[in-house]
Amino acid sequence: LRGDWKRVSHGTLGEFDTRELLRTGNDLGTASVVAAGWGGARYALWESGDEHVLVVRWRWDTPRDAREFDAALPLYLKALDPKSPASIAVRGVTTTLAFAPSRGQAAALAARRR
């Protein structure tokens, strides 16, 4: 992020965190099965004035695990807020979710390799 953006938080998400996130928009059984393929995840939260950006990137054990998550994640977004300026990018066994002030910015951040 360019300009006045500052990283204010970062860390990792575990399998449990992933399951709990997916419980919004998915039933517990689906969330549990999908999260079981978790291979690691990290997040970073940035702010500039009153604006915030959150980027979360998951890595999956197998391509099948990634596909299961990639099918469940949009249901989370739909249940959260279908109008939310968020974007999902998929690259192999890696899935990135970005929330930003605009959909265009979210899409650009989700598509970034790093």
PDB file of N, CA and C in Angstrom:
ATOM      1  N   LEU A   1       0.841  -1.188   0.000  1.00  0.00           N
ATOM      2  CA  LEU A   1       0.000   0.000   0.000  1.00  0.00           C
ATOM      3  C   LEU A   1       0.878   1.240   0.000  1.00  0.00           C
ATOM      4  N   ARG A   2       0.485   2.173  -0.800  1.00  0.00           N
ATOM      5  CA  ARG A   2       1.260   3.408  -0.925  1.00  0.00           C
ATOM      6  C   ARG A   2       0.620   4.530  -0.110  1.00  0.00           C
ATOM      7  N   GLY A   3       1.381   5.573   0.074  1.00  0.00           N
ATOM      8  CA  GLY A   3       0.853   6.746   0.757  1.00  0.00           C
ATOM      9  C   GLY A   3       0.938   6.616   2.265  1.00  0.00           C
ATOM     10  N   ASP A   4      -0.124   7.042   2.917  1.00  0.00           N
ATOM     11  CA  ASP A   4      -0.134   7.119   4.377  1.00  0.00           C
ATOM     12  C   ASP A   4      -0.579   5.832   5.072  1.00  0.00           C
ATOM     13  N   TRP A   5      -0.670   4.728   4.350  1.00  0.00           N
ATOM     14  CA  TRP A   5      -1.124   3.484   4.955  1.00  0.00           C
ATOM     15  C   TRP A   5      -0.074   2.961   5.939  1.00  0.00           C
ATOM     16  N   LYS A   6      -0.550   2.533   7.112  1.00  0.00           N
ATOM     17  CA  LYS A   6       0.324   1.942   8.129  1.00  0.00           C
ATOM     18  C   LYS A   6      -0.233   0.580   8.521  1.00  0.00           C
ATOM     19  N   ARG A   7       0.650  -0.395   8.624  1.00  0.00           N
ATOM     20  CA  ARG A   7       0.208  -1.703   9.107  1.00  0.00           C
ATOM     21  C   ARG A   7       0.023  -1.604  10.619  1.00  0.00           C
ATOM     22  N   VAL A   8      -1.192  -1.886  11.080  1.00  0.00           N
ATOM     23  CA  VAL A   8      -1.502  -1.745  12.496  1.00  0.00           C
ATOM     24  C   VAL A   8      -1.624  -3.091  13.203  1.00  0.00           C
ATOM     25  N   SER A   9      -1.752  -4.162  12.437  1.00  0.00           N
ATOM     26  CA  SER A   9      -1.823  -5.496  13.035  1.00  0.00           C
ATOM     27  C   SER A   9      -1.491  -6.531  11.976  1.00  0.00           C
ATOM     28  N   HIS A  10      -0.962  -7.645  12.420  1.00  0.00           N
ATOM     29  CA  HIS A  10      -0.713  -8.776  11.522  1.00  0.00           C
ATOM     30  C   HIS A  10      -0.535 -10.025  12.383  1.00  0.00           C
ATOM     31  N   GLY A  11      -0.704 -11.167  11.763  1.00  0.00           N
ATOM     32  CA  GLY A  11      -0.556 -12.407  12.502  1.00  0.00           C
ATOM     33  C   GLY A  11      -0.989 -13.596  11.672  1.00  0.00           C
ATOM     34  N   THR A  12      -1.307 -14.655  12.363  1.00  0.00           N
ATOM     35  CA  THR A  12      -1.704 -15.886  11.700  1.00  0.00           C
ATOM     36  C   THR A  12      -3.121 -16.274  12.105  1.00  0.00           C
ATOM     37  N   LEU A  13      -3.749 -17.070  11.250  1.00  0.00           N
ATOM     38  CA  LEU A  13      -5.044 -17.679  11.538  1.00  0.00           C
ATOM     39  C   LEU A  13      -4.848 -19.184  11.518  1.00  0.00           C
ATOM     40  N   GLY A  14      -5.418 -19.850  12.472  1.00  0.00           N
ATOM     41  CA  GLY A  14      -5.314 -21.303  12.531  1.00  0.00           C
ATOM     42  C   GLY A  14      -6.512 -21.992  11.906  1.00  0.00           C
ATOM     43  N   GLU A  15      -6.490 -23.299  11.966  1.00  0.00           N
ATOM     44  CA  GLU A  15      -7.601 -24.093  11.451  1.00  0.00           C
ATOM     45  C   GLU A  15      -8.889 -23.751  12.201  1.00  0.00           C
ATOM     46  N   PHE A  16      -8.792 -23.608  13.524  1.00  0.00           N
ATOM     47  CA  PHE A  16      -9.961 -23.248  14.327  1.00  0.00           C
ATOM     48  C   PHE A  16     -10.529 -21.897  13.893  1.00  0.00           C
ATOM     49  N   ASP A  17      -9.652 -20.912  13.722  1.00  0.00           N
ATOM     50  CA  ASP A  17     -10.092 -19.577  13.289  1.00  0.00           C
ATOM     51  C   ASP A  17     -10.801 -19.644  11.942  1.00  0.00           C
ATOM     52  N   THR A  18     -10.238 -20.432  11.049  1.00  0.00           N
ATOM     53  CA  THR A  18     -10.809 -20.580   9.709  1.00  0.00           C
ATOM     54  C   THR A  18     -12.190 -21.219   9.792  1.00  0.00           C
ATOM     55  N   ARG A  19     -12.311 -22.260  10.612  1.00  0.00           N
ATOM     56  CA  ARG A  19     -13.617 -22.910  10.783  1.00  0.00           C
ATOM     57  C   ARG A  19     -14.637 -21.922  11.332  1.00  0.00           C
ATOM     58  N   GLU A  20     -14.255 -21.155  12.341  1.00  0.00           N
ATOM     59  CA  GLU A  20     -15.193 -20.210  12.937  1.00  0.00           C
ATOM     60  C   GLU A  20     -15.597 -19.121  11.945  1.00  0.00           C
ATOM     61  N   LEU A  21     -14.681 -18.657  11.133  1.00  0.00           N
ATOM     62  CA  LEU A  21     -14.997 -17.678  10.098  1.00  0.00           C
ATOM     63  C   LEU A  21     -16.028 -18.260   9.132  1.00  0.00           C
ATOM     64  N   LEU A  22     -15.806 -19.489   8.701  1.00  0.00           N
ATOM     65  CA  LEU A  22     -16.701 -20.116   7.724  1.00  0.00           C
ATOM     66  C   LEU A  22     -18.078 -20.443   8.289  1.00  0.00           C
ATOM     67  N   ARG A  23     -18.200 -20.485   9.608  1.00  0.00           N
ATOM     68  CA  ARG A  23     -19.513 -20.760  10.211  1.00  0.00           C
ATOM     69  C   ARG A  23     -20.503 -19.643   9.906  1.00  0.00           C
ATOM     70  N   THR A  24     -20.015 -18.495   9.516  1.00  0.00           N
ATOM     71  CA  THR A  24     -20.885 -17.443   9.000  1.00  0.00           C
ATOM     72  C   THR A  24     -21.106 -17.770   7.526  1.00  0.00           C
ATOM     73  N   GLY A  25     -22.281 -18.225   7.198  1.00  0.00           N
ATOM     74  CA  GLY A  25     -22.620 -18.551   5.820  1.00  0.00           C
ATOM     75  C   GLY A  25     -22.575 -20.029   5.487  1.00  0.00           C
ATOM     76  N   ASN A  26     -22.015 -20.847   6.378  1.00  0.00           N
ATOM     77  CA  ASN A  26     -21.917 -22.299   6.162  1.00  0.00           C
ATOM     78  C   ASN A  26     -22.318 -23.003   7.459  1.00  0.00           C
ATOM     79  N   ASP A  27     -22.816 -24.224   7.344  1.00  0.00           N
ATOM     80  CA  ASP A  27     -23.147 -24.964   8.553  1.00  0.00           C
ATOM     81  C   ASP A  27     -21.861 -25.485   9.209  1.00  0.00           C
ATOM     82  N   LEU A  28     -21.960 -25.882  10.469  1.00  0.00           N
ATOM     83  CA  LEU A  28     -20.787 -26.317  11.226  1.00  0.00           C
ATOM     84  C   LEU A  28     -20.086 -27.499  10.569  1.00  0.00           C
ATOM     85  N   GLY A  29     -20.832 -28.452  10.036  1.00  0.00           N
ATOM     86  CA  GLY A  29     -20.227 -29.613   9.385  1.00  0.00           C
ATOM     87  C   GLY A  29     -19.391 -29.221   8.182  1.00  0.00           C
ATOM     88  N   THR A  30     -19.949 -28.370   7.345  1.00  0.00           N
ATOM     89  CA  THR A  30     -19.208 -27.906   6.169  1.00  0.00           C
ATOM     90  C   THR A  30     -17.977 -27.117   6.589  1.00  0.00           C
ATOM     91  N   ALA A  31     -18.158 -26.204   7.525  1.00  0.00           N
ATOM     92  CA  ALA A  31     -17.036 -25.382   7.987  1.00  0.00           C
ATOM     93  C   ALA A  31     -15.916 -26.258   8.543  1.00  0.00           C
ATOM     94  N   SER A  32     -16.266 -27.308   9.280  1.00  0.00           N
ATOM     95  CA  SER A  32     -15.264 -28.203   9.872  1.00  0.00           C
ATOM     96  C   SER A  32     -14.511 -28.988   8.806  1.00  0.00           C
ATOM     97  N   VAL A  33     -15.241 -29.523   7.835  1.00  0.00           N
ATOM     98  CA  VAL A  33     -14.604 -30.295   6.758  1.00  0.00           C
ATOM     99  C   VAL A  33     -13.682 -29.407   5.940  1.00  0.00           C
ATOM    100  N   VAL A  34     -14.150 -28.236   5.594  1.00  0.00           N
ATOM    101  CA  VAL A  34     -13.357 -27.318   4.777  1.00  0.00           C
ATOM    102  C   VAL A  34     -12.104 -26.869   5.529  1.00  0.00           C
ATOM    103  N   ALA A  35     -12.245 -26.498   6.789  1.00  0.00           N
ATOM    104  CA  ALA A  35     -11.107 -26.009   7.564  1.00  0.00           C
ATOM    105  C   ALA A  35     -10.056 -27.094   7.803  1.00  0.00           C
ATOM    106  N   ALA A  36     -10.456 -28.346   7.744  1.00  0.00           N
ATOM    107  CA  ALA A  36      -9.515 -29.444   7.984  1.00  0.00           C
ATOM    108  C   ALA A  36      -8.402 -29.478   6.939  1.00  0.00           C
ATOM    109  N   GLY A  37      -8.605 -28.884   5.786  1.00  0.00           N
ATOM    110  CA  GLY A  37      -7.578 -28.850   4.751  1.00  0.00           C
ATOM    111  C   GLY A  37      -6.610 -27.678   4.882  1.00  0.00           C
ATOM    112  N   TRP A  38      -6.745 -26.924   5.966  1.00  0.00           N
ATOM    113  CA  TRP A  38      -5.925 -25.741   6.227  1.00  0.00           C
ATOM    114  C   TRP A  38      -4.447 -26.107   6.243  1.00  0.00           C
ATOM    115  N   GLY A  39      -3.657 -25.291   5.574  1.00  0.00           N
ATOM    116  CA  GLY A  39      -2.216 -25.500   5.562  1.00  0.00           C
ATOM    117  C   GLY A  39      -1.465 -24.308   6.119  1.00  0.00           C
ATOM    118  N   GLY A  40      -2.186 -23.269   6.517  1.00  0.00           N
ATOM    119  CA  GLY A  40      -1.576 -22.070   7.082  1.00  0.00           C
ATOM    120  C   GLY A  40      -2.320 -20.843   6.593  1.00  0.00           C
ATOM    121  N   ALA A  41      -2.270 -19.790   7.393  1.00  0.00           N
ATOM    122  CA  ALA A  41      -2.920 -18.535   6.996  1.00  0.00           C
ATOM    123  C   ALA A  41      -2.291 -17.381   7.765  1.00  0.00           C
ATOM    124  N   ARG A  42      -2.300 -16.235   7.112  1.00  0.00           N
ATOM    125  CA  ARG A  42      -1.799 -15.028   7.763  1.00  0.00           C
ATOM    126  C   ARG A  42      -2.659 -13.848   7.331  1.00  0.00           C
ATOM    127  N   TYR A  43      -2.626 -12.805   8.126  1.00  0.00           N
ATOM    128  CA  TYR A  43      -3.408 -11.612   7.816  1.00  0.00           C
ATOM    129  C   TYR A  43      -2.586 -10.368   8.122  1.00  0.00           C
ATOM    130  N   ALA A  44      -2.997  -9.260   7.516  1.00  0.00           N
ATOM    131  CA  ALA A  44      -2.443  -7.946   7.818  1.00  0.00           C
ATOM    132  C   ALA A  44      -3.577  -6.927   7.747  1.00  0.00           C
ATOM    133  N   LEU A  45      -3.609  -6.045   8.723  1.00  0.00           N
ATOM    134  CA  LEU A  45      -4.589  -4.969   8.783  1.00  0.00           C
ATOM    135  C   LEU A  45      -3.840  -3.653   8.641  1.00  0.00           C
ATOM    136  N   TRP A  46      -4.311  -2.821   7.712  1.00  0.00           N
ATOM    137  CA  TRP A  46      -3.680  -1.531   7.426  1.00  0.00           C
ATOM    138  C   TRP A  46      -4.705  -0.432   7.654  1.00  0.00           C
ATOM    139  N   GLU A  47      -4.235   0.770   8.007  1.00  0.00           N
ATOM    140  CA  GLU A  47      -5.146   1.900   8.126  1.00  0.00           C
ATOM    141  C   GLU A  47      -4.499   3.171   7.594  1.00  0.00           C
ATOM    142  N   SER A  48      -5.367   4.025   7.122  1.00  0.00           N
ATOM    143  CA  SER A  48      -4.975   5.363   6.671  1.00  0.00           C
ATOM    144  C   SER A  48      -6.129   6.274   7.054  1.00  0.00           C
ATOM    145  N   GLY A  49      -5.938   7.078   8.094  1.00  0.00           N
ATOM    146  CA  GLY A  49      -7.038   7.895   8.594  1.00  0.00           C
ATOM    147  C   GLY A  49      -8.158   7.000   9.088  1.00  0.00           C
ATOM    148  N   ASP A  50      -9.350   7.193   8.529  1.00  0.00           N
ATOM    149  CA  ASP A  50     -10.511   6.389   8.923  1.00  0.00           C
ATOM    150  C   ASP A  50     -10.719   5.165   8.036  1.00  0.00           C
ATOM    151  N   GLU A  51      -9.847   4.951   7.057  1.00  0.00           N
ATOM    152  CA  GLU A  51      -9.996   3.816   6.135  1.00  0.00           C
ATOM    153  C   GLU A  51      -9.131   2.645   6.587  1.00  0.00           C
ATOM    154  N   HIS A  52      -9.655   1.442   6.309  1.00  0.00           N
ATOM    155  CA  HIS A  52      -8.947   0.224   6.693  1.00  0.00           C
ATOM    156  C   HIS A  52      -8.904  -0.754   5.531  1.00  0.00           C
ATOM    157  N   VAL A  53      -7.848  -1.551   5.528  1.00  0.00           N
ATOM    158  CA  VAL A  53      -7.679  -2.640   4.567  1.00  0.00           C
ATOM    159  C   VAL A  53      -7.298  -3.872   5.360  1.00  0.00           C
ATOM    160  N   LEU A  54      -7.944  -4.982   5.056  1.00  0.00           N
ATOM    161  CA  LEU A  54      -7.601  -6.273   5.663  1.00  0.00           C
ATOM    162  C   LEU A  54      -7.324  -7.257   4.546  1.00  0.00           C
ATOM    163  N   VAL A  55      -6.179  -7.920   4.612  1.00  0.00           N
ATOM    164  CA  VAL A  55      -5.835  -8.943   3.633  1.00  0.00           C
ATOM    165  C   VAL A  55      -5.544 -10.232   4.398  1.00  0.00           C
ATOM    166  N   VAL A  56      -6.216 -11.307   3.999  1.00  0.00           N
ATOM    167  CA  VAL A  56      -6.018 -12.625   4.611  1.00  0.00           C
ATOM    168  C   VAL A  56      -5.638 -13.594   3.503  1.00  0.00           C
ATOM    169  N   ARG A  57      -4.592 -14.373   3.723  1.00  0.00           N
ATOM    170  CA  ARG A  57      -4.150 -15.336   2.717  1.00  0.00           C
ATOM    171  C   ARG A  57      -4.031 -16.714   3.362  1.00  0.00           C
ATOM    172  N   TRP A  58      -4.744 -17.679   2.753  1.00  0.00           N
ATOM    173  CA  TRP A  58      -4.705 -19.072   3.214  1.00  0.00           C
ATOM    174  C   TRP A  58      -3.917 -19.920   2.234  1.00  0.00           C
ATOM    175  N   ARG A  59      -3.279 -20.932   2.755  1.00  0.00           N
ATOM    176  CA  ARG A  59      -2.626 -21.955   1.941  1.00  0.00           C
ATOM    177  C   ARG A  59      -3.269 -23.278   2.325  1.00  0.00           C
ATOM    178  N   TRP A  60      -3.550 -24.114   1.316  1.00  0.00           N
ATOM    179  CA  TRP A  60      -4.280 -25.365   1.528  1.00  0.00           C
ATOM    180  C   TRP A  60      -3.370 -26.556   1.288  1.00  0.00           C
ATOM    181  N   ASP A  61      -3.688 -27.666   1.950  1.00  0.00           N
ATOM    182  CA  ASP A  61      -2.869 -28.871   1.850  1.00  0.00           C
ATOM    183  C   ASP A  61      -2.863 -29.464   0.448  1.00  0.00           C
ATOM    184  N   THR A  62      -3.998 -29.428  -0.208  1.00  0.00           N
ATOM    185  CA  THR A  62      -4.131 -30.030  -1.538  1.00  0.00           C
ATOM    186  C   THR A  62      -4.997 -29.133  -2.421  1.00  0.00           C
ATOM    187  N   PRO A  63      -4.948 -29.326  -3.730  1.00  0.00           N
ATOM    188  CA  PRO A  63      -5.854 -28.578  -4.615  1.00  0.00           C
ATOM    189  C   PRO A  63      -7.332 -28.824  -4.273  1.00  0.00           C
ATOM    190  N   ARG A  64      -7.659 -30.036  -3.879  1.00  0.00           N
ATOM    191  CA  ARG A  64      -9.045 -30.338  -3.506  1.00  0.00           C
ATOM    192  C   ARG A  64      -9.460 -29.515  -2.284  1.00  0.00           C
ATOM    193  N   ASP A  65      -8.582 -29.434  -1.283  1.00  0.00           N
ATOM    194  CA  ASP A  65      -8.871 -28.620  -0.103  1.00  0.00           C
ATOM    195  C   ASP A  65      -9.093 -27.159  -0.499  1.00  0.00           C
ATOM    196  N   ALA A  66      -8.273 -26.672  -1.402  1.00  0.00           N
ATOM    197  CA  ALA A  66      -8.414 -25.291  -1.875  1.00  0.00           C
ATOM    198  C   ALA A  66      -9.766 -25.094  -2.562  1.00  0.00           C
ATOM    199  N   ARG A  67     -10.163 -26.030  -3.405  1.00  0.00           N
ATOM    200  CA  ARG A  67     -11.456 -25.914  -4.102  1.00  0.00           C
ATOM    201  C   ARG A  67     -12.617 -25.907  -3.116  1.00  0.00           C
ATOM    202  N   GLU A  68     -12.541 -26.736  -2.072  1.00  0.00           N
ATOM    203  CA  GLU A  68     -13.608 -26.759  -1.067  1.00  0.00           C
ATOM    204  C   GLU A  68     -13.720 -25.400  -0.370  1.00  0.00           C
ATOM    205  N   PHE A  69     -12.581 -24.844  -0.003  1.00  0.00           N
ATOM    206  CA  PHE A  69     -12.585 -23.537   0.652  1.00  0.00           C
ATOM    207  C   PHE A  69     -13.082 -22.461  -0.310  1.00  0.00           C
ATOM    208  N   ASP A  70     -12.621 -22.511  -1.543  1.00  0.00           N
ATOM    209  CA  ASP A  70     -13.005 -21.514  -2.531  1.00  0.00           C
ATOM    210  C   ASP A  70     -14.500 -21.545  -2.822  1.00  0.00           C
ATOM    211  N   ALA A  71     -15.150 -22.688  -2.568  1.00  0.00           N
ATOM    212  CA  ALA A  71     -16.606 -22.767  -2.721  1.00  0.00           C
ATOM    213  C   ALA A  71     -17.324 -22.231  -1.481  1.00  0.00           C
ATOM    214  N   ALA A  72     -16.714 -22.370  -0.310  1.00  0.00           N
ATOM    215  CA  ALA A  72     -17.351 -21.947   0.943  1.00  0.00           C
ATOM    216  C   ALA A  72     -17.145 -20.464   1.249  1.00  0.00           C
ATOM    217  N   LEU A  73     -16.014 -19.910   0.843  1.00  0.00           N
ATOM    218  CA  LEU A  73     -15.704 -18.525   1.203  1.00  0.00           C
ATOM    219  C   LEU A  73     -16.716 -17.508   0.659  1.00  0.00           C
ATOM    220  N   PRO A  74     -17.194 -17.614  -0.572  1.00  0.00           N
ATOM    221  CA  PRO A  74     -18.201 -16.644  -1.039  1.00  0.00           C
ATOM    222  C   PRO A  74     -19.489 -16.673  -0.211  1.00  0.00           C
ATOM    223  N   LEU A  75     -19.825 -17.826   0.367  1.00  0.00           N
ATOM    224  CA  LEU A  75     -21.018 -17.902   1.218  1.00  0.00           C
ATOM    225  C   LEU A  75     -20.806 -17.105   2.507  1.00  0.00           C
ATOM    226  N   TYR A  76     -19.577 -17.103   3.003  1.00  0.00           N
ATOM    227  CA  TYR A  76     -19.230 -16.263   4.157  1.00  0.00           C
ATOM    228  C   TYR A  76     -19.439 -14.784   3.801  1.00  0.00           C
ATOM    229  N   LEU A  77     -18.905 -14.371   2.665  1.00  0.00           N
ATOM    230  CA  LEU A  77     -19.040 -12.970   2.260  1.00  0.00           C
ATOM    231  C   LEU A  77     -20.498 -12.575   2.052  1.00  0.00           C
ATOM    232  N   LYS A  78     -21.256 -13.456   1.449  1.00  0.00           N
ATOM    233  CA  LYS A  78     -22.674 -13.170   1.191  1.00  0.00           C
ATOM    234  C   LYS A  78     -23.419 -13.002   2.509  1.00  0.00           C
ATOM    235  N   ALA A  79     -23.131 -13.862   3.492  1.00  0.00           N
ATOM    236  CA  ALA A  79     -23.798 -13.765   4.793  1.00  0.00           C
ATOM    237  C   ALA A  79     -23.308 -12.550   5.583  1.00  0.00           C
ATOM    238  N   LEU A  80     -22.053 -12.212   5.413  1.00  0.00           N
ATOM    239  CA  LEU A  80     -21.468 -11.077   6.128  1.00  0.00           C
ATOM    240  C   LEU A  80     -22.093  -9.771   5.641  1.00  0.00           C
ATOM    241  N   ASP A  81     -21.975  -9.516   4.363  1.00  0.00           N
ATOM    242  CA  ASP A  81     -22.552  -8.321   3.730  1.00  0.00           C
ATOM    243  C   ASP A  81     -22.291  -8.421   2.239  1.00  0.00           C
ATOM    244  N   PRO A  82     -23.294  -8.759   1.463  1.00  0.00           N
ATOM    245  CA  PRO A  82     -23.084  -8.940   0.023  1.00  0.00           C
ATOM    246  C   PRO A  82     -22.587  -7.690  -0.695  1.00  0.00           C
ATOM    247  N   LYS A  83     -22.744  -6.520  -0.087  1.00  0.00           N
ATOM    248  CA  LYS A  83     -22.296  -5.283  -0.714  1.00  0.00           C
ATOM    249  C   LYS A  83     -20.914  -4.852  -0.218  1.00  0.00           C
ATOM    250  N   SER A  84     -20.329  -5.663   0.627  1.00  0.00           N
ATOM    251  CA  SER A  84     -19.015  -5.330   1.190  1.00  0.00           C
ATOM    252  C   SER A  84     -17.973  -5.198   0.083  1.00  0.00           C
ATOM    253  N   PRO A  85     -17.118  -4.173   0.158  1.00  0.00           N
ATOM    254  CA  PRO A  85     -16.048  -4.038  -0.839  1.00  0.00           C
ATOM    255  C   PRO A  85     -14.930  -5.050  -0.558  1.00  0.00           C
ATOM    256  N   ALA A  86     -15.185  -6.275  -0.962  1.00  0.00           N
ATOM    257  CA  ALA A  86     -14.239  -7.368  -0.735  1.00  0.00           C
ATOM    258  C   ALA A  86     -13.956  -8.066  -2.057  1.00  0.00           C
ATOM    259  N   SER A  87     -12.841  -8.772  -2.084  1.00  0.00           N
ATOM    260  CA  SER A  87     -12.478  -9.514  -3.291  1.00  0.00           C
ATOM    261  C   SER A  87     -11.723 -10.775  -2.895  1.00  0.00           C
ATOM    262  N   ILE A  88     -11.912 -11.812  -3.678  1.00  0.00           N
ATOM    263  CA  ILE A  88     -11.238 -13.099  -3.484  1.00  0.00           C
ATOM    264  C   ILE A  88     -10.391 -13.378  -4.708  1.00  0.00           C
ATOM    265  N   ALA A  89      -9.166 -13.825  -4.487  1.00  0.00           N
ATOM    266  CA  ALA A  89      -8.294 -14.253  -5.586  1.00  0.00           C
ATOM    267  C   ALA A  89      -7.771 -15.644  -5.256  1.00  0.00           C
ATOM    268  N   VAL A  90      -7.759 -16.486  -6.272  1.00  0.00           N
ATOM    269  CA  VAL A  90      -7.307 -17.870  -6.106  1.00  0.00           C
ATOM    270  C   VAL A  90      -6.122 -18.107  -7.024  1.00  0.00           C
ATOM    271  N   ARG A  91      -5.077 -18.669  -6.456  1.00  0.00           N
ATOM    272  CA  ARG A  91      -3.886 -19.011  -7.239  1.00  0.00           C
ATOM    273  C   ARG A  91      -3.381 -20.358  -6.720  1.00  0.00           C
ATOM    274  N   GLY A  92      -3.696 -21.425  -7.453  1.00  0.00           N
ATOM    275  CA  GLY A  92      -3.272 -22.758  -7.033  1.00  0.00           C
ATOM    276  C   GLY A  92      -3.887 -23.137  -5.697  1.00  0.00           C
ATOM    277  N   VAL A  93      -3.043 -23.441  -4.703  1.00  0.00           N
ATOM    278  CA  VAL A  93      -3.528 -23.820  -3.380  1.00  0.00           C
ATOM    279  C   VAL A  93      -3.526 -22.632  -2.412  1.00  0.00           C
ATOM    280  N   THR A  94      -3.522 -21.431  -2.960  1.00  0.00           N
ATOM    281  CA  THR A  94      -3.544 -20.221  -2.143  1.00  0.00           C
ATOM    282  C   THR A  94      -4.796 -19.402  -2.466  1.00  0.00           C
ATOM    283  N   THR A  95      -5.476 -18.974  -1.415  1.00  0.00           N
ATOM    284  CA  THR A  95      -6.664 -18.134  -1.556  1.00  0.00           C
ATOM    285  C   THR A  95      -6.443 -16.860  -0.770  1.00  0.00           C
ATOM    286  N   THR A  96      -6.713 -15.713  -1.394  1.00  0.00           N
ATOM    287  CA  THR A  96      -6.554 -14.430  -0.733  1.00  0.00           C
ATOM    288  C   THR A  96      -7.899 -13.712  -0.694  1.00  0.00           C
ATOM    289  N   LEU A  97      -8.218 -13.176   0.474  1.00  0.00           N
ATOM    290  CA  LEU A  97      -9.417 -12.378   0.681  1.00  0.00           C
ATOM    291  C   LEU A  97      -8.975 -10.982   1.100  1.00  0.00           C
ATOM    292  N   ALA A  98      -9.486  -9.976   0.429  1.00  0.00           N
ATOM    293  CA  ALA A  98      -9.136  -8.596   0.775  1.00  0.00           C
ATOM    294  C   ALA A  98     -10.396  -7.764   0.959  1.00  0.00           C
ATOM    295  N   PHE A  99     -10.408  -6.991   2.028  1.00  0.00           N
ATOM    296  CA  PHE A  99     -11.435  -5.979   2.269  1.00  0.00           C
ATOM    297  C   PHE A  99     -10.744  -4.628   2.150  1.00  0.00           C
ATOM    298  N   ALA A 100     -11.355  -3.694   1.459  1.00  0.00           N
ATOM    299  CA  ALA A 100     -10.751  -2.379   1.253  1.00  0.00           C
ATOM    300  C   ALA A 100     -11.865  -1.347   1.092  1.00  0.00           C
ATOM    301  N   PRO A 101     -11.509  -0.075   1.055  1.00  0.00           N
ATOM    302  CA  PRO A 101     -12.531   0.958   0.888  1.00  0.00           C
ATOM    303  C   PRO A 101     -13.323   0.838  -0.419  1.00  0.00           C
ATOM    304  N   SER A 102     -12.728   0.254  -1.454  1.00  0.00           N
ATOM    305  CA  SER A 102     -13.450   0.070  -2.723  1.00  0.00           C
ATOM    306  C   SER A 102     -13.215  -1.342  -3.251  1.00  0.00           C
ATOM    307  N   ARG A 103     -14.143  -1.801  -4.086  1.00  0.00           N
ATOM    308  CA  ARG A 103     -13.976  -3.130  -4.692  1.00  0.00           C
ATOM    309  C   ARG A 103     -12.737  -3.194  -5.573  1.00  0.00           C
ATOM    310  N   GLY A 104     -12.453  -2.121  -6.292  1.00  0.00           N
ATOM    311  CA  GLY A 104     -11.273  -2.097  -7.153  1.00  0.00           C
ATOM    312  C   GLY A 104      -9.997  -2.246  -6.348  1.00  0.00           C
ATOM    313  N   GLN A 105      -9.910  -1.540  -5.242  1.00  0.00           N
ATOM    314  CA  GLN A 105      -8.727  -1.652  -4.393  1.00  0.00           C
ATOM    315  C   GLN A 105      -8.653  -3.050  -3.782  1.00  0.00           C
ATOM    316  N   ALA A 106      -9.788  -3.591  -3.360  1.00  0.00           N
ATOM    317  CA  ALA A 106      -9.808  -4.941  -2.796  1.00  0.00           C
ATOM    318  C   ALA A 106      -9.346  -5.960  -3.841  1.00  0.00           C
ATOM    319  N   ALA A 107      -9.814  -5.826  -5.078  1.00  0.00           N
ATOM    320  CA  ALA A 107      -9.422  -6.752  -6.143  1.00  0.00           C
ATOM    321  C   ALA A 107      -7.926  -6.661  -6.418  1.00  0.00           C
ATOM    322  N   ALA A 108      -7.398  -5.441  -6.451  1.00  0.00           N
ATOM    323  CA  ALA A 108      -5.964  -5.271  -6.704  1.00  0.00           C
ATOM    324  C   ALA A 108      -5.131  -5.884  -5.584  1.00  0.00           C
ATOM    325  N   LEU A 109      -5.555  -5.692  -4.348  1.00  0.00           N
ATOM    326  CA  LEU A 109      -4.822  -6.259  -3.220  1.00  0.00           C
ATOM    327  C   LEU A 109      -4.914  -7.784  -3.173  1.00  0.00           C
ATOM    328  N   ALA A 110      -6.087  -8.328  -3.467  1.00  0.00           N
ATOM    329  CA  ALA A 110      -6.247  -9.780  -3.461  1.00  0.00           C
ATOM    330  C   ALA A 110      -5.409 -10.434  -4.539  1.00  0.00           C
ATOM    331  N   ALA A 111      -5.255  -9.770  -5.658  1.00  0.00           N
ATOM    332  CA  ALA A 111      -4.514 -10.342  -6.784  1.00  0.00           C
ATOM    333  C   ALA A 111      -2.999 -10.257  -6.612  1.00  0.00           C
ATOM    334  N   ARG A 112      -2.524  -9.418  -5.705  1.00  0.00           N
ATOM    335  CA  ARG A 112      -1.073  -9.279  -5.513  1.00  0.00           C
ATOM    336  C   ARG A 112      -0.471 -10.583  -5.034  1.00  0.00           C
ATOM    337  N   ARG A 113       0.697 -10.856  -5.510  1.00  0.00           N
ATOM    338  CA  ARG A 113       1.387 -12.083  -5.127  1.00  0.00           C
ATOM    339  C   ARG A 113       1.848 -12.060  -3.684  1.00  0.00           C
ATOM    340  N   ARG A 114       2.117 -10.911  -3.162  1.00  0.00           N
ATOM    341  CA  ARG A 114       2.633 -10.841  -1.795  1.00  0.00           C
ATOM    342  C   ARG A 114       1.954  -9.766  -1.019  1.00  0.00           C
TER     343      ARG A 114
END
